[in-house]
Amino acid sequence: MRCSSEKKVTDYVLEGFESKKVVHIFTPKTVEVAEAIRTSLGSHTTILKGTNDHDNSEENLIYVAIPKQRLFYLKKIVRQVDENAFTVVHTVKDVSGGSFTEAHDPSQKTFQTEQKEQRYYEKQAGRTNVFKGR
């Protein structure tokens, strides 16, 4: 138990509280893997087109940003579709905007109107005069 809590403290010191993971996935089954990630995790992916420098063949890779807690599940999903896929994982400090914010970080929501924003934060705070004097 002690090692687990020490690891968490070390992770927070090195990575920060809100660190995310960016994963590059190299697989000939890019469409299938990307679809499995999207349907299973709700994470949007980007498929990047590239060229293998060894034989100049066309190769694609998947780029996806996820909360670090989902990394285990992402790797499991990738292995289910392509057990030979090659993955590279990066730790990043901040990811914001686009579908990532909507799907994974409700505290960074964008609102269509000021009233909707006010209602959201009032509900979060559990009181009614959060924006008094605004």
Protein backbone atom coordinates (compact mmCIF):
# COMPACT_ATOMS: atom_id res chain seq x y z
CA MET A 1 0.00 0.00 0.00
CA ARG A 2 2.81 2.39 0.85
CA CYS A 3 4.52 1.93 -2.53
CA SER A 4 1.27 2.72 -4.32
CA SER A 5 0.78 6.01 -2.48
CA GLU A 6 4.46 6.93 -2.96
CA LYS A 7 4.11 6.28 -6.69
CA LYS A 8 1.04 8.52 -6.87
CA VAL A 9 2.89 11.34 -5.09
CA THR A 10 5.87 10.91 -7.42
CA ASP A 11 3.57 10.92 -10.47
CA TYR A 12 1.90 14.13 -9.32
CA VAL A 13 5.25 15.82 -8.71
CA LEU A 14 6.67 14.77 -12.08
CA GLU A 15 3.55 14.96 -14.24
CA GLY A 16 1.24 17.37 -12.45
CA PHE A 17 -2.32 16.78 -11.29
CA GLU A 18 -3.95 17.27 -14.67
CA SER A 19 -1.46 15.56 -16.98
CA LYS A 20 -2.82 13.76 -20.01
CA LYS A 21 -1.41 11.17 -22.37
CA VAL A 22 -0.88 11.59 -26.08
CA VAL A 23 -0.54 8.27 -27.84
CA HIS A 24 0.82 7.57 -31.32
CA ILE A 25 -0.31 4.21 -32.66
CA PHE A 26 1.40 2.67 -35.67
CA THR A 27 -0.72 -0.04 -37.28
CA PRO A 28 -1.80 -1.08 -40.77
CA LYS A 29 -5.33 -1.24 -39.31
CA THR A 30 -5.61 2.50 -38.63
CA VAL A 31 -9.28 2.83 -39.53
CA GLU A 32 -10.33 -0.17 -37.44
CA VAL A 33 -8.25 0.87 -34.41
CA ALA A 34 -9.43 4.50 -34.60
CA GLU A 35 -13.06 3.38 -34.79
CA ALA A 36 -12.62 1.04 -31.81
CA ILE A 37 -11.10 3.87 -29.75
CA ARG A 38 -13.89 6.25 -30.71
CA THR A 39 -16.70 3.80 -29.94
CA SER A 40 -15.19 2.29 -26.78
CA LEU A 41 -13.63 5.37 -25.14
CA GLY A 42 -15.47 8.20 -26.86
CA SER A 43 -12.10 9.73 -27.74
CA HIS A 44 -11.62 11.36 -31.11
CA THR A 45 -8.55 10.37 -33.08
CA THR A 46 -6.55 11.86 -35.92
CA ILE A 47 -5.06 9.66 -38.62
CA LEU A 48 -1.80 11.09 -39.94
CA LYS A 49 -0.41 9.97 -43.28
CA GLY A 50 3.31 9.30 -43.51
CA THR A 51 6.07 7.51 -45.33
CA ASN A 52 8.24 4.71 -43.98
CA ASP A 53 11.86 5.84 -44.38
CA HIS A 54 13.08 2.25 -44.80
CA ASP A 55 11.22 1.38 -47.99
CA ASN A 56 9.27 4.58 -48.81
CA SER A 57 5.97 2.76 -48.34
CA GLU A 58 2.94 4.72 -47.24
CA GLU A 59 2.18 4.38 -43.52
CA ASN A 60 -0.47 5.91 -41.31
CA LEU A 61 -0.45 6.56 -37.60
CA ILE A 62 -3.16 7.40 -35.11
CA TYR A 63 -2.80 10.39 -32.80
CA VAL A 64 -5.05 10.52 -29.73
CA ALA A 65 -5.08 12.52 -26.47
CA ILE A 66 -6.66 10.87 -23.43
CA PRO A 67 -6.86 11.29 -19.66
CA LYS A 68 -4.05 9.25 -18.12
CA GLN A 69 -6.58 7.04 -16.32
CA ARG A 70 -7.74 5.67 -19.69
CA LEU A 71 -4.32 4.58 -20.95
CA PHE A 72 -4.71 0.96 -19.80
CA TYR A 73 -8.07 0.68 -21.59
CA LEU A 74 -6.75 2.32 -24.74
CA LYS A 75 -3.86 -0.16 -24.94
CA LYS A 76 -6.26 -3.05 -24.38
CA ILE A 77 -8.53 -1.84 -27.20
CA VAL A 78 -5.57 -1.44 -29.57
CA ARG A 79 -4.32 -4.97 -28.79
CA GLN A 80 -7.79 -6.42 -29.41
CA VAL A 81 -7.78 -5.00 -32.94
CA ASP A 82 -4.07 -5.40 -33.76
CA GLU A 83 -1.85 -7.27 -31.32
CA ASN A 84 1.23 -6.17 -33.32
CA ALA A 85 0.48 -2.43 -33.18
CA PHE A 86 3.34 -0.22 -32.01
CA THR A 87 2.44 2.54 -29.56
CA VAL A 88 4.37 5.52 -28.24
CA VAL A 89 3.01 7.30 -25.16
CA HIS A 90 3.83 10.89 -24.21
CA THR A 91 2.87 12.72 -21.02
CA VAL A 92 1.54 16.21 -21.65
CA LYS A 93 0.67 18.89 -19.12
CA ASP A 94 -2.33 20.46 -20.81
CA VAL A 95 -4.87 19.59 -23.47
CA SER A 96 -7.72 21.97 -24.17
CA GLY A 97 -10.26 22.78 -26.81
CA GLY A 98 -12.10 20.75 -29.37
CA SER A 99 -13.77 17.50 -28.50
CA PHE A 100 -11.27 16.74 -25.73
CA THR A 101 -12.61 19.56 -23.58
CA GLU A 102 -16.23 18.55 -24.12
CA ALA A 103 -15.65 14.84 -23.57
CA HIS A 104 -13.12 14.86 -20.77
CA ASP A 105 -12.97 18.15 -18.93
CA PRO A 106 -16.33 19.71 -18.07
CA SER A 107 -14.61 22.40 -15.98
CA GLN A 108 -13.35 23.93 -19.24
CA LYS A 109 -16.75 24.02 -20.93
CA THR A 110 -17.61 26.73 -23.37
CA PHE A 111 -21.10 28.15 -23.18
CA GLN A 112 -23.41 29.56 -25.83
CA THR A 113 -24.75 32.25 -23.52
CA GLU A 114 -23.78 33.90 -20.25
CA GLN A 115 -27.03 32.62 -18.70
CA LYS A 116 -26.12 29.01 -19.49
CA GLU A 117 -22.68 29.57 -18.00
CA GLN A 118 -24.22 31.07 -14.85
CA ARG A 119 -26.69 28.18 -14.46
CA TYR A 120 -23.90 25.64 -14.88
CA TYR A 121 -21.68 27.18 -12.19
CA GLU A 122 -24.62 27.75 -9.85
CA LYS A 123 -25.47 24.09 -10.13
CA GLN A 124 -21.83 23.12 -9.55
CA ALA A 125 -21.58 25.34 -6.49
CA GLY A 126 -24.97 24.30 -5.13
CA ARG A 127 -26.03 27.89 -4.50
CA THR A 128 -27.80 30.60 -6.46
CA ASN A 129 -25.83 33.86 -6.21
CA VAL A 130 -22.46 32.77 -7.60
CA PHE A 131 -22.36 35.70 -10.03
CA LYS A 132 -23.83 38.33 -7.71
CA GLY A 133 -22.49 41.74 -8.63
CA ARG A 134 -21.46 40.68 -12.11
